[in-house]
Every structure is written in structure tokens, then in C-alpha cells.
């Protein structure tokens, strides 16, 4: 997929479209002709929404030109919880991790820019954290789930041998009013990903709750949205076992 604008599934390159149809329908690749008329397009994002990320994406590309990341590593991508993970390399010292998070982004943003900040590195694994901003923006669980499936299908089409992992949306005090929608999205994502080969669902939501069922108060910074070092320790503990090559 080339850059320029976000495409609905119906405007993905043919390889991506067919992969999406297989992923969504469960059809066998050899029988694509039976499902090519299925409509699976989520709402199409307007081209202007991506302009605000251009400087951040260009900065990644400039860094790549100065020192190209080794291919075959592990790319972490998504919203601010990834962007702010400043200790990513230190937390996973035995793995070639690369942080390509950009704060405030939604799932469609990672899909749109994947051909610039994911696919060129030919990673053996992609770890996505996004969806919380989508829900906070008022998008329905159905819409966010469909956008997640588009990301997964595009990643699978471009990186057929890579492992793809999705970190569950985390609960946090500042957005706890959205917890029911977060739980619903996490449940649908987990159930779907469990049916897909070489994909993993990483559940951090429950690990970040106390005995009272509410977010642990001491793992967030002052805004009660983003994590402090203690929060990232939880993520590191949960994620680390899944980074090992299979």
C-alpha cells in the first residue's frame, strides 16, 4: 500500500483486499471467488485527518535515513502509550525493538502510515496499541473493531510471515466512564484474533486493575491517562514472553 490517503478495504491493492476478505470471512485462499462480493468497508476517513501526523512520520523517516533500523526486528506502533514508552529498548534488552508510536493516533492512522513506519523494516513482529482514542472520539465499538480488522489484514498481506500482536485497550482513571465500551472492544478483538494464525491478543486491561476492579491509582502520571514507570513494568511483564521467536 502506498501513502497518500486512507483507503477503505474496497480500495486496497488487490493482494490486501483478498487478504482482508479471507481474514474477515474465514474463506480459504483457493476459494476467493466465492466471497469477492462481500462488503466489509468501514467508514472512510477523510484525507485531511492525516496531515497533522506528517511531521512526526517525516521525523521517523529522517531518523531512518541517518541510521537505518535493522530488518527483522519488532515494531511497536500506535498511540501515546507507545510513543511515551521511552524505556522500550531497556525493557526488552534481548530484542531488536523499534518504537514508532505517535501520540493521539487512532487505528486508521497506523494503517495509513504502515507503508512508511512498519512495512519498510520487514519486521518479524508488529505490536499495535491503539483504539482508546477511537472510542474517546465517540466511535462505536463496531467501527473500531472493523478498523482493527483492516489493520490486521493489511499487516498480514504485507508481512505474511510476521507475528502480529494487539495490546488490549487499557483502562485508566480519566476515561473510566468509557470502560464498558473498552471491555466490549477488547472482548471482540480477543475472540477474533484467537481465530487467526500467527496473531496474538495481549491482555493488559485486567493486569492494571486493583482488587476493587478499578485502575491501580499508582501506575499513572498526573493526567490519570498515561502510565508512569510502574505501569510500563506491568506491560513489560505481560508482553515479554510473547516476543520470543516461535
Protein backbone atom coordinates (compact mmCIF):
# COMPACT_ATOMS: atom_id res chain seq x y z
CA UNK A 1 0.00 0.00 0.00
CA UNK A 2 1.32 3.39 -0.87
CA UNK A 3 0.86 6.59 1.11
CA UNK A 4 -1.39 9.50 0.22
CA UNK A 5 -4.76 8.72 1.75
CA UNK A 6 -6.54 6.12 3.83
CA UNK A 7 -8.34 3.55 1.74
CA UNK A 8 -11.40 1.63 2.71
CA UNK A 9 -10.93 -2.10 2.12
CA UNK A 10 -12.63 -1.76 -1.24
CA UNK A 11 -9.74 0.47 -2.39
CA UNK A 12 -6.87 -1.58 -1.02
CA UNK A 13 -4.46 -3.12 -3.53
CA UNK A 14 -5.78 -6.47 -4.74
CA UNK A 15 -3.45 -8.50 -2.51
CA UNK A 16 -4.59 -6.58 0.56
CA UNK A 17 -8.25 -6.78 -0.43
CA UNK A 18 -8.13 -10.53 -0.94
CA UNK A 19 -6.30 -10.98 2.34
CA UNK A 20 -8.96 -8.92 4.08
CA UNK A 21 -11.75 -10.98 2.58
CA UNK A 22 -10.06 -14.17 3.71
CA UNK A 23 -9.46 -12.75 7.17
CA UNK A 24 -12.98 -11.44 7.65
CA UNK A 25 -14.89 -14.32 6.04
CA UNK A 26 -12.72 -17.25 7.05
CA UNK A 27 -12.65 -18.42 3.44
CA UNK A 28 -9.78 -20.48 2.06
CA UNK A 29 -7.38 -18.60 -0.25
CA UNK A 30 -8.11 -21.01 -3.08
CA UNK A 31 -11.81 -20.10 -2.98
CA UNK A 32 -11.63 -16.32 -3.01
CA UNK A 33 -14.02 -16.11 -5.94
CA UNK A 34 -16.84 -17.20 -3.64
CA UNK A 35 -16.54 -14.17 -1.35
CA UNK A 36 -15.32 -11.33 -3.55
CA UNK A 37 -18.69 -9.58 -3.44
CA UNK A 38 -18.77 -9.35 0.39
CA UNK A 39 -18.86 -5.71 1.52
CA UNK A 40 -16.61 -5.12 4.51
CA UNK A 41 -15.73 -1.45 4.18
CA UNK A 42 -15.68 0.61 7.39
CA UNK A 43 -16.29 4.37 7.23
CA UNK A 44 -13.66 6.06 5.09
CA UNK A 45 -11.53 8.63 6.90
CA UNK A 46 -11.05 11.99 5.19
CA UNK A 47 -7.61 12.66 3.74
CA UNK A 48 -7.13 15.82 5.85
CA UNK A 49 -7.11 13.89 9.12
CA UNK A 50 -3.65 12.51 8.35
CA UNK A 51 -1.92 15.83 7.69
CA UNK A 52 -1.41 16.53 11.40
CA UNK A 53 0.84 13.47 11.72
CA UNK A 54 3.08 14.29 8.78
CA UNK A 55 5.83 15.98 10.80
CA UNK A 56 6.11 13.03 13.19
CA UNK A 57 6.15 10.49 10.38
CA UNK A 58 8.72 12.54 8.47
CA UNK A 59 10.88 12.64 11.61
CA UNK A 60 10.86 8.85 11.73
CA UNK A 61 11.92 8.72 8.10
CA UNK A 62 14.70 11.23 8.70
CA UNK A 63 15.95 9.12 11.61
CA UNK A 64 15.87 6.05 9.36
CA UNK A 65 17.99 7.83 6.77
CA UNK A 66 20.55 8.76 9.41
CA UNK A 67 20.66 5.24 10.82
CA UNK A 68 18.58 2.56 9.15
CA UNK A 69 16.99 0.15 11.64
CA UNK A 70 17.94 -3.48 11.14
CA UNK A 71 15.34 -5.50 9.32
CA UNK A 72 13.63 -8.41 11.03
CA UNK A 73 13.03 -6.65 14.33
CA UNK A 74 9.93 -5.94 16.40
CA UNK A 75 7.99 -2.75 15.62
CA UNK A 76 5.79 -1.20 18.31
CA UNK A 77 3.25 1.15 16.78
CA UNK A 78 0.17 3.00 17.90
CA UNK A 79 -0.86 5.88 20.12
CA UNK A 80 0.70 7.80 23.00
CA UNK A 81 1.20 4.84 25.35
CA UNK A 82 3.65 3.56 22.74
CA UNK A 83 5.15 6.95 21.90
CA UNK A 84 5.81 7.66 25.59
CA UNK A 85 7.42 4.29 26.18
CA UNK A 86 10.89 5.83 26.39
CA UNK A 87 12.39 2.76 28.06
CA UNK A 88 11.24 0.32 25.39
CA UNK A 89 14.74 -0.76 24.40
CA UNK A 90 15.85 -1.01 28.02
CA UNK A 91 12.77 -3.02 28.99
CA UNK A 92 13.36 -5.56 26.20
CA UNK A 93 17.18 -5.66 26.01
CA UNK A 94 17.28 -9.03 24.28
CA UNK A 95 15.11 -7.99 21.36
CA UNK A 96 15.57 -5.54 18.46
CA UNK A 97 12.59 -3.32 19.26
CA UNK A 98 11.67 -0.15 17.38
CA UNK A 99 9.23 2.48 18.67
CA UNK A 100 7.02 4.02 16.02
CA UNK A 101 4.18 5.33 18.19
CA UNK A 102 2.65 8.76 17.55
CA UNK A 103 0.51 10.30 20.25
CA UNK A 104 -3.20 10.83 19.82
CA UNK A 105 -3.40 8.47 16.87
CA UNK A 106 -6.22 6.07 16.10
CA UNK A 107 -6.12 2.66 14.42
CA UNK A 108 -6.72 4.10 10.94
CA UNK A 109 -3.67 6.31 11.36
CA UNK A 110 -1.38 3.33 11.94
CA UNK A 111 -2.97 1.61 8.94
CA UNK A 112 -2.48 4.66 6.75
CA UNK A 113 1.19 5.17 7.63
CA UNK A 114 2.16 1.49 7.82
CA UNK A 115 3.92 1.61 4.47
CA UNK A 116 6.23 4.28 5.91
CA UNK A 117 6.74 3.25 9.55
CA UNK A 118 6.15 -0.52 9.62
CA UNK A 119 6.49 -2.38 6.34
CA UNK A 120 9.88 -0.96 5.22
CA UNK A 121 11.54 -2.60 8.24
CA UNK A 122 10.31 -6.06 7.26
CA UNK A 123 9.73 -6.88 10.94
CA UNK A 124 9.29 -10.38 12.26
CA UNK A 125 6.68 -8.99 14.66
CA UNK A 126 4.35 -6.00 14.86
CA UNK A 127 2.83 -4.89 18.17
CA UNK A 128 -0.09 -2.46 17.93
CA UNK A 129 -1.63 -0.44 20.72
CA UNK A 130 -4.48 1.76 19.53
CA UNK A 131 -8.24 2.04 19.87
CA UNK A 132 -8.64 4.01 23.08
CA UNK A 133 -8.52 7.33 21.26
CA UNK A 134 -11.01 5.95 18.75
CA UNK A 135 -13.54 5.22 21.47
CA UNK A 136 -12.83 8.52 23.22
CA UNK A 137 -13.58 10.27 19.92
CA UNK A 138 -17.06 8.78 20.00
CA UNK A 139 -16.61 5.96 17.53
CA UNK A 140 -18.74 2.89 18.06
CA UNK A 141 -17.32 -0.46 19.09
CA UNK A 142 -18.39 -1.82 15.69
CA UNK A 143 -16.46 0.86 13.81
CA UNK A 144 -13.31 0.49 15.90
CA UNK A 145 -13.43 -3.29 15.56
CA UNK A 146 -13.78 -3.06 11.77
CA UNK A 147 -10.85 -0.65 11.60
CA UNK A 148 -8.78 -3.07 13.67
CA UNK A 149 -9.56 -5.88 11.25
CA UNK A 150 -8.45 -3.69 8.35
CA UNK A 151 -5.12 -3.04 10.08
CA UNK A 152 -4.62 -6.73 10.78
CA UNK A 153 -5.48 -7.70 7.22
CA UNK A 154 -3.15 -5.11 5.74
CA UNK A 155 -0.30 -6.17 8.03
CA UNK A 156 -0.86 -9.81 7.16
CA UNK A 157 -0.94 -9.09 3.43
CA UNK A 158 2.34 -7.15 3.52
CA UNK A 159 4.07 -9.29 6.16
CA UNK A 160 2.77 -12.83 5.62
CA UNK A 161 5.36 -14.43 7.91
CA UNK A 162 5.31 -11.87 10.71
CA UNK A 163 3.61 -12.33 14.04
CA UNK A 164 1.07 -9.60 14.70
CA UNK A 165 0.05 -8.72 18.26
CA UNK A 166 -2.64 -6.38 19.52
CA UNK A 167 -2.41 -4.94 23.02
CA UNK A 168 -5.82 -4.59 24.60
CA UNK A 169 -7.06 -1.09 25.30
CA UNK A 170 -6.08 -0.23 28.85
CA UNK A 171 -8.44 1.10 31.46
CA UNK A 172 -7.42 4.38 33.05
CA UNK A 173 -8.99 6.71 35.63
CA UNK A 174 -9.50 9.68 33.30
CA UNK A 175 -11.60 7.66 30.83
CA UNK A 176 -13.17 5.13 33.14
CA UNK A 177 -16.64 6.24 32.00
CA UNK A 178 -15.76 4.53 28.69
CA UNK A 179 -14.80 1.24 30.36
CA UNK A 180 -17.83 -0.71 29.13
CA UNK A 181 -17.05 0.14 25.50
CA UNK A 182 -13.38 -0.67 26.07
CA UNK A 183 -14.27 -4.05 27.54
CA UNK A 184 -16.61 -4.79 24.63
CA UNK A 185 -13.96 -3.91 22.06
CA UNK A 186 -11.30 -5.92 23.88
CA UNK A 187 -13.59 -8.95 24.01
CA UNK A 188 -14.36 -8.82 20.29
CA UNK A 189 -10.72 -8.26 19.40
CA UNK A 190 -9.59 -11.19 21.54
CA UNK A 191 -12.20 -13.57 20.14
CA UNK A 192 -11.36 -12.61 16.58
CA UNK A 193 -7.58 -12.73 16.96
CA UNK A 194 -7.77 -16.16 18.55
CA UNK A 195 -9.14 -17.45 15.24
CA UNK A 196 -6.23 -16.03 13.21
CA UNK A 197 -2.92 -17.82 12.65
CA UNK A 198 0.24 -16.17 13.97
CA UNK A 199 -1.65 -13.40 15.75
CA UNK A 200 -1.70 -12.67 19.48
CA UNK A 201 -4.01 -10.74 21.77
CA UNK A 202 -2.18 -9.22 24.74
CA UNK A 203 -4.47 -8.52 27.68
CA UNK A 204 -3.13 -5.69 29.82
CA UNK A 205 -6.55 -4.42 30.92
CA UNK A 206 -7.07 -6.86 33.79
CA UNK A 207 -3.43 -6.60 34.88
CA UNK A 208 -3.86 -2.88 35.51
CA UNK A 209 -6.79 -3.24 37.90
CA UNK A 210 -6.77 -3.47 41.66
CA UNK A 211 -8.77 -5.79 43.91
CA UNK A 212 -11.67 -3.33 43.71
CA UNK A 213 -11.86 -3.74 39.94
CA UNK A 214 -10.70 -0.18 39.31
CA UNK A 215 -7.46 1.02 37.71
CA UNK A 216 -4.49 0.90 40.05
CA UNK A 217 -4.03 4.54 41.14
CA UNK A 218 -0.24 4.46 41.43
CA UNK A 219 0.62 3.43 37.86
CA UNK A 220 -0.43 6.65 36.13
CA UNK A 221 1.07 10.11 35.80
CA UNK A 222 -0.81 13.22 36.90
CA UNK A 223 -3.19 13.23 33.92
CA UNK A 224 -4.58 9.82 35.02
CA UNK A 225 -4.42 8.74 31.39
CA UNK A 226 -0.81 7.87 30.66
CA UNK A 227 1.33 5.42 32.59
CA UNK A 228 4.34 6.02 34.77
CA UNK A 229 7.27 3.63 35.14
CA UNK A 230 5.23 1.29 37.32
CA UNK A 231 2.61 0.98 34.62
CA UNK A 232 5.19 0.15 31.99
CA UNK A 233 6.62 -2.51 34.30
CA UNK A 234 3.25 -4.26 34.11
CA UNK A 235 3.22 -4.03 30.33
CA UNK A 236 6.78 -5.32 30.14
CA UNK A 237 5.97 -8.32 32.31
CA UNK A 238 2.89 -9.21 30.24
CA UNK A 239 4.41 -8.59 26.79
CA UNK A 240 7.94 -10.01 27.21
CA UNK A 241 7.02 -13.72 26.97
CA UNK A 242 5.29 -13.12 23.62
CA UNK A 243 8.36 -11.58 21.98
CA UNK A 244 10.27 -14.84 21.90
CA UNK A 245 10.55 -16.32 18.40
CA UNK A 246 8.33 -19.35 17.90
